[in-house]
Amino acid sequence: MYDPVERRNFYGRVHGKTLRASQKTYLEEDLDRLSLARVTRDENPERAPIDLTRFAGKPLWLEIGFGGGEHLVHMAATYPEIGIIGCEPFVNGIAMLLGKIRAANVENLAIHPGDVRDLFDVLPTASIAKAFLNYPDPWPKARHHRRRFVTEGYLTALSRTLQPGAEFRVATDIPDYVRQTLEEVPQAGFTLLNEGDQPWSDWLSTRYEQKALREGRPPHYLTFQRNA
């Protein structure tokens, strides 16, 4: 079961290659302004719902693990009438995203630079209208499958934050991740709408997808709907 006050281990990478000078500038100048406030336990130990008025009542979307940020910025630019939140703990990916935000000059987004579970704790119930999980860490070893996003704890928390009827999209190149997604997501209160090798009409292929294609791993796209 999902417990918002449980002690959590975090297993993903947080740091990678040395940042370029421009990326350090983005982090210094832009990260605080774009980050959601009162998400971490230090800022919000009582885990009260956060204030989302910065989005001025726009429908809210969520990207879980935005990687280098290309899909997040693409969605923000394509749909200026929505607000979108991106969650990512990897500093290098955050720095890449900030550079893309500057280049695209989009302002209808915000970031949580950390563990998505902390964000789930404080998002108001049924506040998210659409969610994206693009090329999540596959954790290929069987003993690590419990770390995958498509497990009960993560999915229960996601389900709570999604509005009834909200869309949940998953893209992956790992067949066993597809298997687990098809098994576990419906158990968390979702209905499968579509799955296969054809992307969504507004899809932007990410650098992770391009790497998978170069290495001969075909993408798979799954669309679920949060049950009423």
Protein backbone atom coordinates (compact mmCIF):
# COMPACT_ATOMS: atom_id res chain seq x y z
CA MET A 1 0.00 0.00 0.00
CA TYR A 2 1.06 3.59 -0.62
CA ASP A 3 2.08 5.48 2.50
CA PRO A 4 2.99 9.18 2.10
CA VAL A 5 5.06 9.18 5.28
CA GLU A 6 7.00 5.95 4.68
CA ARG A 7 10.80 6.02 4.64
CA ARG A 8 11.82 5.79 1.00
CA ASN A 9 14.87 4.62 -0.82
CA PHE A 10 15.72 6.24 -4.14
CA TYR A 11 17.55 4.04 -6.63
CA GLY A 12 17.89 6.14 -9.80
CA ARG A 13 20.78 8.36 -10.84
CA VAL A 14 20.84 11.96 -9.67
CA HIS A 15 24.11 13.15 -11.25
CA GLY A 16 25.81 12.29 -14.53
CA LYS A 17 28.37 14.01 -16.75
CA THR A 18 29.88 17.33 -15.72
CA LEU A 19 27.54 20.17 -16.57
CA ARG A 20 28.49 22.77 -19.17
CA ALA A 21 28.85 26.37 -18.01
CA SER A 22 25.58 27.31 -19.74
CA GLN A 23 23.73 24.49 -17.98
CA LYS A 24 25.04 25.65 -14.61
CA THR A 25 23.71 29.11 -15.45
CA TYR A 26 20.28 27.69 -16.27
CA LEU A 27 20.18 25.91 -12.92
CA GLU A 28 21.29 29.01 -11.02
CA GLU A 29 18.97 31.44 -12.77
CA ASP A 30 15.86 29.45 -13.70
CA LEU A 31 15.37 26.40 -11.49
CA ASP A 32 13.96 28.12 -8.41
CA ARG A 33 11.50 30.16 -10.48
CA LEU A 34 10.19 27.09 -12.30
CA SER A 35 10.12 24.69 -9.35
CA LEU A 36 6.94 23.97 -7.42
CA ALA A 37 7.09 25.12 -3.82
CA ARG A 38 6.40 23.04 -0.70
CA VAL A 39 6.88 19.63 -2.28
CA THR A 40 9.71 18.25 -0.17
CA ARG A 41 9.36 17.09 3.42
CA ASP A 42 11.72 19.82 4.58
CA GLU A 43 9.48 22.52 3.09
CA ASN A 44 6.19 20.83 3.90
CA PRO A 45 6.51 18.29 6.72
CA GLU A 46 2.75 18.19 7.25
CA ARG A 47 2.35 17.16 3.57
CA ALA A 48 -0.42 19.67 2.94
CA PRO A 49 -1.72 19.99 -0.64
CA ILE A 50 0.36 22.44 -2.66
CA ASP A 51 -0.88 25.66 -4.23
CA LEU A 52 -1.34 25.32 -8.00
CA THR A 53 -2.74 28.81 -8.65
CA ARG A 54 0.34 29.62 -10.77
CA PHE A 55 -1.47 27.74 -13.56
CA ALA A 56 -4.48 30.09 -13.38
CA GLY A 57 -7.06 27.29 -13.52
CA LYS A 58 -5.69 25.63 -16.66
CA PRO A 59 -6.09 21.84 -17.01
CA LEU A 60 -2.98 20.23 -15.56
CA TRP A 61 -0.85 17.49 -17.13
CA LEU A 62 2.03 15.59 -15.56
CA GLU A 63 5.13 14.03 -17.10
CA ILE A 64 6.81 11.49 -14.82
CA GLY A 65 10.53 11.44 -15.54
CA PHE A 66 11.03 13.92 -18.37
CA GLY A 67 14.56 12.82 -19.32
CA GLY A 68 16.07 15.56 -21.47
CA GLY A 69 12.80 17.50 -21.53
CA GLU A 70 12.07 17.47 -25.26
CA HIS A 71 8.61 15.91 -24.91
CA LEU A 72 7.69 18.15 -21.97
CA VAL A 73 8.59 21.34 -23.83
CA HIS A 74 6.90 20.08 -27.00
CA MET A 75 3.65 19.53 -25.13
CA ALA A 76 3.85 22.90 -23.40
CA ALA A 77 4.42 24.65 -26.74
CA THR A 78 1.76 22.64 -28.60
CA TYR A 79 -0.92 23.19 -25.94
CA PRO A 80 -0.53 26.68 -24.45
CA GLU A 81 -4.03 26.36 -23.00
CA ILE A 82 -2.85 23.74 -20.48
CA GLY A 83 -0.35 23.71 -17.64
CA ILE A 84 2.15 20.89 -17.41
CA ILE A 85 4.32 19.68 -14.54
CA GLY A 86 7.51 17.73 -15.15
CA CYS A 87 9.14 15.57 -12.50
CA GLU A 88 12.77 14.44 -12.79
CA PRO A 89 15.52 13.89 -10.18
CA PHE A 90 18.45 13.69 -12.66
CA VAL A 91 20.33 17.01 -12.55
CA ASN A 92 21.72 16.72 -16.07
CA GLY A 93 18.23 16.17 -17.48
CA ILE A 94 16.91 19.14 -15.52
CA ALA A 95 19.67 21.35 -16.91
CA MET A 96 18.88 20.16 -20.45
CA LEU A 97 15.20 20.93 -19.94
CA LEU A 98 15.92 24.45 -18.69
CA GLY A 99 17.90 25.18 -21.85
CA LYS A 100 15.01 23.93 -24.00
CA ILE A 101 12.53 26.07 -22.05
CA ARG A 102 14.61 29.16 -22.77
CA ALA A 103 14.86 28.29 -26.46
CA ALA A 104 11.12 27.61 -26.82
CA ASN A 105 10.08 30.52 -24.60
CA VAL A 106 7.29 28.53 -22.96
CA GLU A 107 5.91 29.51 -19.58
CA ASN A 108 2.98 27.15 -18.95
CA LEU A 109 5.04 24.58 -17.08
CA ALA A 110 6.64 23.88 -13.73
CA ILE A 111 9.18 21.38 -12.42
CA HIS A 112 9.68 19.16 -9.43
CA PRO A 113 13.42 18.32 -9.45
CA GLY A 114 13.14 15.21 -7.29
CA ASP A 115 11.30 11.99 -6.47
CA VAL A 116 7.82 11.84 -7.98
CA ARG A 117 6.54 10.16 -4.81
CA ASP A 118 7.10 13.40 -2.90
CA LEU A 119 5.05 15.24 -5.52
CA PHE A 120 2.26 12.66 -5.33
CA ASP A 121 2.05 13.25 -1.57
CA VAL A 122 1.09 16.89 -2.02
CA LEU A 123 -0.78 17.10 -5.32
CA PRO A 124 -4.48 17.69 -4.63
CA THR A 125 -6.74 14.72 -5.30
CA ALA A 126 -8.01 14.54 -8.90
CA SER A 127 -5.93 17.56 -9.95
CA ILE A 128 -4.27 16.04 -13.04
CA ALA A 129 -6.06 15.66 -16.37
CA LYS A 130 -3.40 13.68 -18.27
CA ALA A 131 -0.16 11.89 -17.35
CA PHE A 132 2.82 10.66 -19.35
CA LEU A 133 5.39 7.94 -18.57
CA ASN A 134 7.93 7.94 -21.41
CA TYR A 135 10.76 5.42 -21.49
CA PRO A 136 10.92 4.84 -17.73
CA ASP A 137 13.91 3.11 -16.18
CA PRO A 138 13.32 -0.56 -17.10
CA TRP A 139 15.10 -2.09 -14.09
CA PRO A 140 15.75 -5.21 -16.20
CA LYS A 141 16.79 -7.59 -13.42
CA ALA A 142 13.84 -9.55 -12.05
CA ARG A 143 14.75 -8.78 -8.44
CA HIS A 144 14.49 -5.06 -9.27
CA HIS A 145 11.07 -5.14 -10.94
CA ARG A 146 9.48 -3.83 -7.75
CA ARG A 147 11.36 -0.56 -8.42
CA ARG A 148 9.52 0.00 -11.69
CA PHE A 149 6.93 2.74 -11.82
CA VAL A 150 4.20 0.32 -12.89
CA THR A 151 3.85 -1.19 -9.42
CA GLU A 152 1.13 -0.81 -6.82
CA GLY A 153 2.62 1.99 -4.73
CA TYR A 154 3.31 4.35 -7.61
CA LEU A 155 0.12 3.51 -9.49
CA THR A 156 -2.11 3.95 -6.45
CA ALA A 157 -0.64 7.39 -5.88
CA LEU A 158 -0.98 8.30 -9.54
CA SER A 159 -4.58 7.13 -9.61
CA ARG A 160 -5.43 9.37 -6.65
CA THR A 161 -4.08 12.46 -8.36
CA LEU A 162 -5.75 11.82 -11.73
CA GLN A 163 -9.23 13.01 -12.56
CA PRO A 164 -11.84 10.38 -13.47
CA GLY A 165 -11.51 9.81 -17.22
CA ALA A 166 -7.95 11.16 -17.31
CA GLU A 167 -5.59 9.68 -19.88
CA PHE A 168 -2.37 7.89 -18.87
CA ARG A 169 0.15 7.30 -21.65
CA VAL A 170 3.11 4.91 -21.44
CA ALA A 171 5.90 4.57 -24.02
CA THR A 172 8.62 1.92 -23.67
CA ASP A 173 10.92 -0.24 -25.77
CA ILE A 174 11.14 -3.06 -23.21
CA PRO A 175 8.76 -6.00 -23.87
CA ASP A 176 8.75 -7.10 -20.24
CA TYR A 177 7.84 -3.56 -19.19
CA VAL A 178 4.88 -3.76 -21.57
CA ARG A 179 3.89 -7.06 -19.95
CA GLN A 180 4.02 -5.64 -16.44
CA THR A 181 2.23 -2.46 -17.48
CA LEU A 182 -0.64 -4.46 -18.98
CA GLU A 183 -0.86 -6.56 -15.82
CA GLU A 184 -0.62 -3.91 -13.14
CA VAL A 185 -2.05 -0.65 -14.45
CA PRO A 186 -5.63 -2.00 -14.84
CA GLN A 187 -5.49 -3.27 -11.25
CA ALA A 188 -4.89 0.32 -10.09
CA GLY A 189 -8.16 1.58 -11.54
CA PHE A 190 -7.43 2.08 -15.23
CA THR A 191 -8.93 0.78 -18.47
CA LEU A 192 -6.70 0.01 -21.45
CA LEU A 193 -7.82 2.05 -24.47
CA ASN A 194 -5.11 1.20 -26.98
CA GLU A 195 -1.68 -0.36 -27.36
CA GLY A 196 0.66 -1.07 -30.23
CA ASP A 197 3.51 0.27 -32.35
CA GLN A 198 1.79 3.47 -33.55
CA PRO A 199 2.51 6.63 -31.52
CA TRP A 200 0.01 9.30 -30.60
CA SER A 201 -0.69 12.00 -33.20
CA ASP A 202 1.04 14.64 -31.05
CA TRP A 203 3.99 12.44 -30.05
CA LEU A 204 7.53 13.80 -30.20
CA SER A 205 10.17 11.08 -30.38
CA THR A 206 12.62 11.48 -27.51
CA ARG A 207 16.36 10.91 -27.47
CA TYR A 208 15.73 7.71 -25.50
CA GLU A 209 13.43 6.46 -28.23
CA GLN A 210 15.98 7.29 -30.91
CA LYS A 211 18.61 5.35 -28.98
CA ALA A 212 16.25 2.36 -28.74
CA LEU A 213 15.59 2.47 -32.48
CA ARG A 214 19.31 2.61 -33.26
CA GLU A 215 19.82 -0.44 -31.07
CA GLY A 216 16.97 -2.35 -32.72
CA ARG A 217 14.35 -2.14 -29.96
CA PRO A 218 10.96 -1.13 -31.37
CA PRO A 219 8.81 1.30 -29.35
CA HIS A 220 5.48 0.31 -27.85
CA TYR A 221 2.77 2.80 -26.91
CA LEU A 222 -0.04 2.19 -24.41
CA THR A 223 -3.01 4.41 -23.56
CA PHE A 224 -5.08 3.95 -20.39
CA GLN A 225 -8.01 5.85 -18.94
CA ARG A 226 -8.56 6.47 -15.24
CA ASN A 227 -11.82 4.81 -14.26
CA ALA A 228 -14.65 6.96 -12.95
